[in-house]
Amino acid sequence: MTEREHARRLSRQLEFFVAAIIAVILAVAGVGIAWALAQPNKFVPFAAQQYDFAVPAQGSNLTGLLLAATFLVQTVPMVVGLLSLRSAFRAIGRHETIGIEAARWLRRSGIAFFINALAILVSRPVVSLILSIDMPPGQRFLSIGFGTPELLTLLVSGVLVMFGHLMTVAAEVENENKRFI
């Protein structure tokens, strides 16, 4: 088996793996949204615990809906990035290993993951503000944080965008070489 055939086979396997990840994320998001809509008073304490925030004594329906919307805003760019990554693996598995189509999809996934990283960075202060809506005036808070997971997400998204650009250049060189020969 040549290296290109091995890369195509690996890309097909990764395509199915990413599809499974997407299915799990969509299932969990669907259950979470349904739970938030059905029982916002139980969803609010759960969301507060995920961020290690103080649980409001009484969570309103508005708080539950705003938290669900915030989590959905975080989920959408991640799913878009994974779909783009799946399309990149599909293009590599079905066509040339170095192609402009795969490079474009790889670059798009990097951009979507970068947007996801920004949404994660913004979500902590937004969630703290939403949770403190129902608290008395002296107990409201704002939490801002930046940690290793956010840094790694930004780094990986940048690497994906860079590899997308490099693959575009490599595809152009390969097409030029094919025309020359």
N, C-alpha and C. Protein backbone atom coordinates (compact mmCIF):
# COMPACT_ATOMS: atom_id res chain seq x y z
N MET A 1 0.84 -1.17 0.00
CA MET A 1 0.00 0.00 0.00
C MET A 1 0.89 1.25 0.00
N THR A 2 0.61 2.14 -0.94
CA THR A 2 1.41 3.36 -1.03
C THR A 2 0.98 4.35 0.06
N GLU A 3 1.79 5.37 0.22
CA GLU A 3 1.49 6.38 1.24
C GLU A 3 0.18 7.11 0.94
N ARG A 4 -0.07 7.38 -0.32
CA ARG A 4 -1.31 8.08 -0.68
C ARG A 4 -2.53 7.21 -0.40
N GLU A 5 -2.44 5.93 -0.70
CA GLU A 5 -3.55 5.02 -0.40
C GLU A 5 -3.77 4.91 1.10
N HIS A 6 -2.67 4.88 1.85
CA HIS A 6 -2.77 4.82 3.30
C HIS A 6 -3.43 6.11 3.84
N ALA A 7 -3.06 7.26 3.29
CA ALA A 7 -3.65 8.53 3.70
C ALA A 7 -5.14 8.57 3.37
N ARG A 8 -5.52 8.05 2.22
CA ARG A 8 -6.94 8.01 1.84
C ARG A 8 -7.74 7.13 2.79
N ARG A 9 -7.17 5.96 3.11
CA ARG A 9 -7.85 5.04 4.02
C ARG A 9 -8.01 5.67 5.41
N LEU A 10 -6.95 6.29 5.90
CA LEU A 10 -7.01 6.95 7.19
C LEU A 10 -8.02 8.10 7.17
N SER A 11 -8.09 8.83 6.08
CA SER A 11 -9.06 9.92 5.96
C SER A 11 -10.49 9.41 5.99
N ARG A 12 -10.75 8.29 5.34
CA ARG A 12 -12.09 7.71 5.39
C ARG A 12 -12.45 7.28 6.81
N GLN A 13 -11.50 6.71 7.52
CA GLN A 13 -11.75 6.32 8.92
C GLN A 13 -12.01 7.54 9.79
N LEU A 14 -11.22 8.59 9.61
CA LEU A 14 -11.42 9.82 10.38
C LEU A 14 -12.73 10.49 10.03
N GLU A 15 -13.15 10.36 8.79
CA GLU A 15 -14.44 10.93 8.38
C GLU A 15 -15.57 10.28 9.19
N PHE A 16 -15.55 8.97 9.34
CA PHE A 16 -16.58 8.29 10.10
C PHE A 16 -16.46 8.59 11.60
N PHE A 17 -15.24 8.73 12.10
CA PHE A 17 -15.04 9.07 13.51
C PHE A 17 -15.60 10.46 13.82
N VAL A 18 -15.34 11.42 12.95
CA VAL A 18 -15.86 12.78 13.14
C VAL A 18 -17.38 12.77 13.04
N ALA A 19 -17.94 11.97 12.14
CA ALA A 19 -19.40 11.87 12.03
C ALA A 19 -20.00 11.34 13.33
N ALA A 20 -19.34 10.37 13.95
CA ALA A 20 -19.82 9.84 15.23
C ALA A 20 -19.76 10.91 16.32
N ILE A 21 -18.69 11.69 16.34
CA ILE A 21 -18.56 12.77 17.32
C ILE A 21 -19.68 13.79 17.12
N ILE A 22 -19.97 14.13 15.87
CA ILE A 22 -21.04 15.08 15.57
C ILE A 22 -22.38 14.54 16.07
N ALA A 23 -22.64 13.26 15.84
CA ALA A 23 -23.90 12.66 16.28
C ALA A 23 -24.03 12.72 17.80
N VAL A 24 -22.95 12.44 18.51
CA VAL A 24 -23.00 12.50 19.98
C VAL A 24 -23.23 13.93 20.46
N ILE A 25 -22.53 14.88 19.87
CA ILE A 25 -22.70 16.28 20.27
C ILE A 25 -24.12 16.76 20.01
N LEU A 26 -24.67 16.42 18.86
CA LEU A 26 -26.04 16.83 18.55
C LEU A 26 -27.05 16.17 19.48
N ALA A 27 -26.82 14.91 19.82
CA ALA A 27 -27.72 14.21 20.76
C ALA A 27 -27.67 14.86 22.14
N VAL A 28 -26.46 15.12 22.62
CA VAL A 28 -26.32 15.75 23.94
C VAL A 28 -26.91 17.16 23.92
N ALA A 29 -26.67 17.91 22.86
CA ALA A 29 -27.23 19.26 22.77
C ALA A 29 -28.76 19.21 22.71
N GLY A 30 -29.29 18.27 21.96
CA GLY A 30 -30.75 18.13 21.87
C GLY A 30 -31.37 17.79 23.21
N VAL A 31 -30.76 16.86 23.94
CA VAL A 31 -31.27 16.50 25.27
C VAL A 31 -31.14 17.69 26.21
N GLY A 32 -30.02 18.41 26.14
CA GLY A 32 -29.82 19.57 27.00
C GLY A 32 -30.83 20.68 26.73
N ILE A 33 -31.09 20.95 25.47
CA ILE A 33 -32.06 22.00 25.12
C ILE A 33 -33.47 21.57 25.56
N ALA A 34 -33.81 20.30 25.32
CA ALA A 34 -35.12 19.81 25.75
C ALA A 34 -35.26 19.90 27.27
N TRP A 35 -34.20 19.55 27.99
CA TRP A 35 -34.22 19.63 29.45
C TRP A 35 -34.36 21.07 29.91
N ALA A 36 -33.63 21.97 29.27
CA ALA A 36 -33.70 23.39 29.65
C ALA A 36 -35.09 23.96 29.40
N LEU A 37 -35.74 23.52 28.32
CA LEU A 37 -37.08 24.02 28.03
C LEU A 37 -38.12 23.39 28.95
N ALA A 38 -37.94 22.10 29.28
CA ALA A 38 -38.92 21.40 30.11
C ALA A 38 -38.78 21.74 31.59
N GLN A 39 -37.55 21.84 32.08
CA GLN A 39 -37.33 22.08 33.50
C GLN A 39 -36.22 23.11 33.72
N PRO A 40 -36.49 24.36 33.41
CA PRO A 40 -35.44 25.37 33.56
C PRO A 40 -34.98 25.54 35.01
N ASN A 41 -35.85 25.27 35.98
CA ASN A 41 -35.46 25.43 37.38
C ASN A 41 -34.43 24.38 37.81
N LYS A 42 -34.35 23.24 37.13
CA LYS A 42 -33.32 22.25 37.42
C LYS A 42 -32.09 22.43 36.53
N PHE A 43 -32.30 23.03 35.39
CA PHE A 43 -31.19 23.26 34.46
C PHE A 43 -30.25 24.36 34.96
N VAL A 44 -30.81 25.37 35.59
CA VAL A 44 -30.00 26.51 36.07
C VAL A 44 -28.96 26.06 37.10
N PRO A 45 -29.31 25.29 38.13
CA PRO A 45 -28.27 24.83 39.07
C PRO A 45 -27.21 23.95 38.40
N PHE A 46 -27.63 23.12 37.47
CA PHE A 46 -26.67 22.27 36.75
C PHE A 46 -25.67 23.12 35.98
N ALA A 47 -26.17 24.13 35.28
CA ALA A 47 -25.29 25.02 34.51
C ALA A 47 -24.34 25.77 35.42
N ALA A 48 -24.84 26.21 36.57
CA ALA A 48 -23.98 26.93 37.51
C ALA A 48 -22.85 26.03 38.03
N GLN A 49 -23.17 24.78 38.28
CA GLN A 49 -22.15 23.84 38.76
C GLN A 49 -21.10 23.56 37.70
N GLN A 50 -21.47 23.60 36.43
CA GLN A 50 -20.50 23.34 35.36
C GLN A 50 -19.41 24.40 35.32
N TYR A 51 -19.74 25.59 35.74
CA TYR A 51 -18.78 26.70 35.76
C TYR A 51 -18.25 26.99 37.16
N ASP A 52 -18.63 26.20 38.14
CA ASP A 52 -18.25 26.42 39.54
C ASP A 52 -18.71 27.78 40.05
N PHE A 53 -19.91 28.16 39.65
CA PHE A 53 -20.49 29.41 40.11
C PHE A 53 -21.47 29.13 41.24
N ALA A 54 -21.78 30.16 42.00
CA ALA A 54 -22.80 30.05 43.04
C ALA A 54 -24.16 29.81 42.38
N VAL A 55 -24.92 28.91 42.97
CA VAL A 55 -26.23 28.58 42.43
C VAL A 55 -27.24 29.59 42.97
N PRO A 56 -27.99 30.24 42.08
CA PRO A 56 -28.99 31.18 42.58
C PRO A 56 -30.06 30.44 43.39
N ALA A 57 -30.57 31.10 44.41
CA ALA A 57 -31.59 30.48 45.26
C ALA A 57 -32.84 30.16 44.46
N GLN A 58 -33.20 31.03 43.55
CA GLN A 58 -34.38 30.83 42.74
C GLN A 58 -34.04 31.16 41.29
N GLY A 59 -33.98 30.16 40.43
CA GLY A 59 -33.70 30.40 39.01
C GLY A 59 -34.98 30.59 38.24
N SER A 60 -35.03 31.61 37.42
CA SER A 60 -36.24 31.88 36.64
C SER A 60 -36.21 31.13 35.32
N ASN A 61 -37.37 31.10 34.67
CA ASN A 61 -37.44 30.48 33.35
C ASN A 61 -36.58 31.23 32.34
N LEU A 62 -36.54 32.54 32.48
CA LEU A 62 -35.72 33.37 31.59
C LEU A 62 -34.25 32.99 31.73
N THR A 63 -33.79 32.78 32.94
CA THR A 63 -32.40 32.39 33.16
C THR A 63 -32.10 31.06 32.48
N GLY A 64 -32.99 30.10 32.64
CA GLY A 64 -32.80 28.80 31.99
C GLY A 64 -32.75 28.91 30.48
N LEU A 65 -33.64 29.72 29.91
CA LEU A 65 -33.65 29.88 28.45
C LEU A 65 -32.40 30.61 27.95
N LEU A 66 -31.97 31.62 28.70
CA LEU A 66 -30.76 32.34 28.30
C LEU A 66 -29.52 31.45 28.39
N LEU A 67 -29.45 30.61 29.42
CA LEU A 67 -28.32 29.67 29.53
C LEU A 67 -28.34 28.66 28.39
N ALA A 68 -29.52 28.15 28.06
CA ALA A 68 -29.63 27.19 26.96
C ALA A 68 -29.19 27.85 25.65
N ALA A 69 -29.60 29.10 25.43
CA ALA A 69 -29.19 29.82 24.22
C ALA A 69 -27.68 30.03 24.19
N THR A 70 -27.09 30.33 25.34
CA THR A 70 -25.63 30.52 25.41
C THR A 70 -24.91 29.23 25.07
N PHE A 71 -25.38 28.12 25.60
CA PHE A 71 -24.73 26.84 25.30
C PHE A 71 -24.93 26.45 23.84
N LEU A 72 -26.07 26.81 23.28
CA LEU A 72 -26.32 26.52 21.87
C LEU A 72 -25.40 27.35 20.98
N VAL A 73 -25.16 28.60 21.36
CA VAL A 73 -24.25 29.46 20.60
C VAL A 73 -22.83 28.88 20.61
N GLN A 74 -22.45 28.24 21.69
CA GLN A 74 -21.14 27.58 21.75
C GLN A 74 -21.09 26.33 20.88
N THR A 75 -22.21 25.63 20.80
CA THR A 75 -22.25 24.35 20.10
C THR A 75 -22.24 24.52 18.58
N VAL A 76 -22.90 25.54 18.08
CA VAL A 76 -23.05 25.70 16.63
C VAL A 76 -21.70 25.81 15.90
N PRO A 77 -20.77 26.70 16.32
CA PRO A 77 -19.51 26.75 15.58
C PRO A 77 -18.69 25.47 15.70
N MET A 78 -18.83 24.76 16.83
CA MET A 78 -18.11 23.51 16.98
C MET A 78 -18.63 22.47 15.99
N VAL A 79 -19.95 22.39 15.84
CA VAL A 79 -20.54 21.43 14.90
C VAL A 79 -20.19 21.83 13.46
N VAL A 80 -20.23 23.12 13.16
CA VAL A 80 -19.85 23.59 11.82
C VAL A 80 -18.39 23.23 11.54
N GLY A 81 -17.52 23.44 12.52
CA GLY A 81 -16.10 23.08 12.35
C GLY A 81 -15.91 21.59 12.13
N LEU A 82 -16.65 20.78 12.89
CA LEU A 82 -16.54 19.32 12.71
C LEU A 82 -17.10 18.88 11.35
N LEU A 83 -18.19 19.50 10.91
CA LEU A 83 -18.72 19.18 9.58
C LEU A 83 -17.73 19.55 8.48
N SER A 84 -17.07 20.69 8.65
CA SER A 84 -16.05 21.10 7.67
C SER A 84 -14.86 20.14 7.69
N LEU A 85 -14.47 19.74 8.88
CA LEU A 85 -13.37 18.78 9.00
C LEU A 85 -13.74 17.44 8.37
N ARG A 86 -14.98 17.03 8.57
CA ARG A 86 -15.46 15.78 7.94
C ARG A 86 -15.43 15.90 6.41
N SER A 87 -15.82 17.06 5.90
CA SER A 87 -15.77 17.27 4.45
C SER A 87 -14.34 17.27 3.94
N ALA A 88 -13.41 17.80 4.72
CA ALA A 88 -12.00 17.76 4.33
C ALA A 88 -11.50 16.32 4.26
N PHE A 89 -11.85 15.52 5.27
CA PHE A 89 -11.45 14.11 5.26
C PHE A 89 -12.09 13.36 4.10
N ARG A 90 -13.34 13.72 3.79
CA ARG A 90 -14.03 13.08 2.66
C ARG A 90 -13.32 13.43 1.35
N ALA A 91 -12.95 14.70 1.19
CA ALA A 91 -12.26 15.12 -0.04
C ALA A 91 -10.91 14.42 -0.17
N ILE A 92 -10.20 14.27 0.93
CA ILE A 92 -8.91 13.56 0.88
C ILE A 92 -9.13 12.09 0.58
N GLY A 93 -10.14 11.48 1.18
CA GLY A 93 -10.38 10.06 0.99
C GLY A 93 -10.90 9.70 -0.38
N ARG A 94 -11.62 10.60 -1.02
CA ARG A 94 -12.23 10.28 -2.31
C ARG A 94 -11.48 10.85 -3.51
N HIS A 95 -10.68 11.86 -3.27
CA HIS A 95 -9.98 12.51 -4.38
C HIS A 95 -8.48 12.44 -4.11
N GLU A 96 -7.81 13.45 -4.53
CA GLU A 96 -6.37 13.53 -4.30
C GLU A 96 -6.08 13.86 -2.85
N THR A 97 -4.98 13.34 -2.36
CA THR A 97 -4.62 13.62 -0.97
C THR A 97 -4.26 15.09 -0.77
N ILE A 98 -3.72 15.70 -1.79
CA ILE A 98 -3.42 17.13 -1.73
C ILE A 98 -4.30 17.80 -2.77
N GLY A 99 -5.37 18.43 -2.31
CA GLY A 99 -6.29 19.06 -3.24
C GLY A 99 -6.81 20.37 -2.69
N ILE A 100 -7.25 21.23 -3.59
CA ILE A 100 -7.74 22.54 -3.20
C ILE A 100 -9.04 22.40 -2.42
N GLU A 101 -9.88 21.43 -2.79
CA GLU A 101 -11.15 21.24 -2.08
C GLU A 101 -10.90 20.89 -0.61
N ALA A 102 -10.01 19.94 -0.36
CA ALA A 102 -9.70 19.55 1.01
C ALA A 102 -9.07 20.72 1.78
N ALA A 103 -8.24 21.48 1.10
CA ALA A 103 -7.59 22.63 1.75
C ALA A 103 -8.62 23.68 2.16
N ARG A 104 -9.59 23.92 1.30
CA ARG A 104 -10.64 24.90 1.64
C ARG A 104 -11.45 24.44 2.84
N TRP A 105 -11.81 23.14 2.86
CA TRP A 105 -12.59 22.63 3.98
C TRP A 105 -11.78 22.66 5.27
N LEU A 106 -10.50 22.37 5.18
CA LEU A 106 -9.64 22.39 6.35
C LEU A 106 -9.52 23.82 6.90
N ARG A 107 -9.39 24.77 6.01
CA ARG A 107 -9.30 26.17 6.42
C ARG A 107 -10.62 26.62 7.06
N ARG A 108 -11.74 26.22 6.47
CA ARG A 108 -13.04 26.57 7.03
C ARG A 108 -13.23 25.97 8.42
N SER A 109 -12.77 24.75 8.61
CA SER A 109 -12.91 24.14 9.93
C SER A 109 -12.06 24.89 10.95
N GLY A 110 -10.88 25.32 10.56
CA GLY A 110 -10.04 26.10 11.46
C GLY A 110 -10.70 27.41 11.86
N ILE A 111 -11.33 28.06 10.90
CA ILE A 111 -12.02 29.33 11.19
C ILE A 111 -13.20 29.08 12.12
N ALA A 112 -13.96 28.00 11.87
CA ALA A 112 -15.10 27.68 12.74
C ALA A 112 -14.63 27.34 14.15
N PHE A 113 -13.52 26.60 14.27
CA PHE A 113 -13.01 26.28 15.61
C PHE A 113 -12.47 27.54 16.30
N PHE A 114 -11.94 28.48 15.54
CA PHE A 114 -11.49 29.74 16.13
C PHE A 114 -12.69 30.52 16.67
N ILE A 115 -13.78 30.55 15.91
CA ILE A 115 -15.00 31.21 16.38
C ILE A 115 -15.53 30.50 17.62
N ASN A 116 -15.44 29.16 17.62
CA ASN A 116 -15.86 28.39 18.80
C ASN A 116 -15.01 28.76 20.01
N ALA A 117 -13.70 28.91 19.82
CA ALA A 117 -12.82 29.28 20.93
C ALA A 117 -13.20 30.66 21.47
N LEU A 118 -13.53 31.58 20.58
CA LEU A 118 -13.95 32.91 21.03
C LEU A 118 -15.28 32.83 21.78
N ALA A 119 -16.19 31.98 21.29
CA ALA A 119 -17.48 31.81 21.99
C ALA A 119 -17.26 31.23 23.38
N ILE A 120 -16.31 30.31 23.52
CA ILE A 120 -16.01 29.73 24.83
C ILE A 120 -15.43 30.81 25.76
N LEU A 121 -14.55 31.64 25.21
CA LEU A 121 -13.97 32.72 26.03
C LEU A 121 -15.04 33.69 26.53
N VAL A 122 -16.00 34.01 25.68
CA VAL A 122 -17.04 34.96 26.03
C VAL A 122 -18.12 34.33 26.90
N SER A 123 -18.26 33.01 26.81
CA SER A 123 -19.37 32.35 27.51
C SER A 123 -19.26 32.45 29.03
N ARG A 124 -18.06 32.37 29.57
CA ARG A 124 -17.92 32.42 31.03
C ARG A 124 -18.47 33.74 31.61
N PRO A 125 -18.07 34.90 31.10
CA PRO A 125 -18.68 36.13 31.63
C PRO A 125 -20.18 36.22 31.36
N VAL A 126 -20.61 35.74 30.20
CA VAL A 126 -22.04 35.81 29.87
C VAL A 126 -22.84 34.92 30.83
N VAL A 127 -22.35 33.70 31.07
CA VAL A 127 -23.05 32.79 31.98
C VAL A 127 -23.09 33.38 33.39
N SER A 128 -21.99 34.00 33.83
CA SER A 128 -21.99 34.60 35.16
C SER A 128 -23.01 35.74 35.26
N LEU A 129 -23.13 36.52 34.20
CA LEU A 129 -24.13 37.60 34.20
C LEU A 129 -25.56 37.03 34.20
N ILE A 130 -25.77 35.99 33.41
CA ILE A 130 -27.11 35.38 33.35
C ILE A 130 -27.49 34.80 34.71
N LEU A 131 -26.55 34.10 35.33
CA LEU A 131 -26.83 33.49 36.64
C LEU A 131 -27.08 34.54 37.71
N SER A 132 -26.44 35.67 37.60
CA SER A 132 -26.61 36.68 38.64
C SER A 132 -27.82 37.57 38.41
N ILE A 133 -28.56 37.36 37.34
CA ILE A 133 -29.78 38.13 37.09
C ILE A 133 -30.76 37.95 38.25
N ASP A 134 -30.90 36.70 38.71
CA ASP A 134 -31.88 36.39 39.74
C ASP A 134 -31.36 36.61 41.16
N MET A 135 -30.13 37.03 41.32
CA MET A 135 -29.57 37.23 42.66
C MET A 135 -29.86 38.64 43.15
N PRO A 136 -29.89 38.81 44.47
CA PRO A 136 -30.09 40.15 45.01
C PRO A 136 -28.95 41.08 44.62
N PRO A 137 -29.15 42.40 44.64
CA PRO A 137 -28.14 43.34 44.17
C PRO A 137 -26.75 43.18 44.78
N GLY A 138 -26.61 42.80 46.02
CA GLY A 138 -25.29 42.68 46.62
C GLY A 138 -24.55 41.40 46.28
N GLN A 139 -25.23 40.44 45.63
CA GLN A 139 -24.61 39.15 45.35
C GLN A 139 -24.34 38.92 43.86
N ARG A 140 -24.59 39.87 43.03
CA ARG A 140 -24.33 39.70 41.58
C ARG A 140 -22.84 39.70 41.33
N PHE A 141 -22.44 39.00 40.27
CA PHE A 141 -21.01 38.85 40.00
C PHE A 141 -20.74 38.74 38.51
N LEU A 142 -19.48 38.95 38.17
CA LEU A 142 -18.97 38.79 36.81
C LEU A 142 -17.68 38.01 36.91
N SER A 143 -17.59 36.93 36.15
CA SER A 143 -16.40 36.09 36.18
C SER A 143 -15.75 36.07 34.80
N ILE A 144 -14.47 36.37 34.78
CA ILE A 144 -13.71 36.35 33.53
C ILE A 144 -12.54 35.41 33.73
N GLY A 145 -12.35 34.50 32.79
CA GLY A 145 -11.25 33.56 32.93
C GLY A 145 -10.69 33.13 31.58
N PHE A 146 -9.42 32.76 31.60
CA PHE A 146 -8.73 32.28 30.41
C PHE A 146 -7.78 31.18 30.87
N GLY A 147 -7.98 29.98 30.36
CA GLY A 147 -7.16 28.87 30.82
C GLY A 147 -6.54 28.09 29.69
N THR A 148 -5.94 26.99 30.04
CA THR A 148 -5.25 26.13 29.06
C THR A 148 -6.19 25.60 27.99
N PRO A 149 -7.41 25.13 28.31
CA PRO A 149 -8.29 24.63 27.24
C PRO A 149 -8.59 25.68 26.17
N GLU A 150 -8.81 26.91 26.60
CA GLU A 150 -9.08 27.98 25.62
C GLU A 150 -7.85 28.26 24.77
N LEU A 151 -6.70 28.27 25.42
CA LEU A 151 -5.45 28.50 24.69
C LEU A 151 -5.19 27.39 23.67
N LEU A 152 -5.41 26.15 24.07
CA LEU A 152 -5.21 25.03 23.15
C LEU A 152 -6.20 25.06 21.99
N THR A 153 -7.44 25.45 22.28
CA THR A 153 -8.43 25.55 21.20
C THR A 153 -8.03 26.61 20.19
N LEU A 154 -7.56 27.75 20.68
CA LEU A 154 -7.08 28.79 19.77
C LEU A 154 -5.88 28.31 18.95
N LEU A 155 -4.98 27.60 19.60
CA LEU A 155 -3.78 27.10 18.92
C LEU A 155 -4.14 26.07 17.84
N VAL A 156 -4.99 25.13 18.17
CA VAL A 156 -5.38 24.10 17.20
C VAL A 156 -6.12 24.72 16.02
N SER A 157 -6.99 25.67 16.30
CA SER A 157 -7.70 26.31 15.19
C SER A 157 -6.74 27.06 14.28
N GLY A 158 -5.75 27.71 14.86
CA GLY A 158 -4.73 28.39 14.04
C GLY A 158 -3.92 27.43 13.21
N VAL A 159 -3.59 26.28 13.79
CA VAL A 159 -2.85 25.26 13.04
C VAL A 159 -3.68 24.73 11.87
N LEU A 160 -4.97 24.53 12.08
CA LEU A 160 -5.83 24.06 10.99
C LEU A 160 -5.90 25.08 9.86
N VAL A 161 -6.02 26.35 10.20
CA VAL A 161 -6.05 27.38 9.16
C VAL A 161 -4.73 27.41 8.41
N MET A 162 -3.62 27.30 9.15
CA MET A 162 -2.30 27.31 8.52
C MET A 162 -2.14 26.10 7.58
N PHE A 163 -2.54 24.91 8.04
CA PHE A 163 -2.43 23.73 7.18
C PHE A 163 -3.32 23.84 5.96
N GLY A 164 -4.47 24.48 6.12
CA GLY A 164 -5.33 24.72 4.96
C GLY A 164 -4.63 25.59 3.92
N HIS A 165 -3.95 26.64 4.37
CA HIS A 165 -3.19 27.49 3.45
C HIS A 165 -2.03 26.71 2.82
N LEU A 166 -1.32 25.93 3.62
CA LEU A 166 -0.21 25.15 3.08
C LEU A 166 -0.68 24.12 2.07
N MET A 167 -1.83 23.48 2.34
CA MET A 167 -2.36 22.51 1.39
C MET A 167 -2.78 23.18 0.09
N THR A 168 -3.27 24.41 0.17
CA THR A 168 -3.63 25.14 -1.04
C THR A 168 -2.40 25.39 -1.89
N VAL A 169 -1.32 25.82 -1.27
CA VAL A 169 -0.06 26.04 -2.00
C VAL A 169 0.45 24.73 -2.59
N ALA A 170 0.40 23.65 -1.80
CA ALA A 170 0.87 22.35 -2.28
C ALA A 170 0.03 21.86 -3.45
N ALA A 171 -1.29 22.08 -3.39
CA ALA A 171 -2.16 21.66 -4.49
C ALA A 171 -1.86 22.45 -5.76
N GLU A 172 -1.59 23.75 -5.61
CA GLU A 172 -1.25 24.56 -6.78
C GLU A 172 0.08 24.10 -7.39
N VAL A 173 1.06 23.78 -6.55
CA VAL A 173 2.34 23.29 -7.05
C VAL A 173 2.15 21.95 -7.74
N GLU A 174 1.35 21.06 -7.15
CA GLU A 174 1.11 19.75 -7.76
C GLU A 174 0.39 19.90 -9.11
N ASN A 175 -0.58 20.78 -9.19
CA ASN A 175 -1.28 21.01 -10.47
C ASN A 175 -0.35 21.58 -11.51
N GLU A 176 0.54 22.48 -11.09
CA GLU A 176 1.53 23.05 -12.02
C GLU A 176 2.48 21.97 -12.51
N ASN A 177 2.91 21.10 -11.63
CA ASN A 177 3.80 19.99 -12.03
C ASN A 177 3.11 19.04 -12.98
N LYS A 178 1.82 18.77 -12.78
CA LYS A 178 1.07 17.90 -13.69
C LYS A 178 0.96 18.52 -15.08
N ARG A 179 0.76 19.83 -15.16
CA ARG A 179 0.66 20.50 -16.45
C ARG A 179 2.03 20.55 -17.15
N PHE A 180 3.09 20.64 -16.34
CA PHE A 180 4.43 20.72 -16.91
C PHE A 180 4.83 19.39 -17.54
N ILE A 181 4.46 18.31 -16.89
CA ILE A 181 4.84 16.96 -17.38
C ILE A 181 3.85 16.57 -18.43
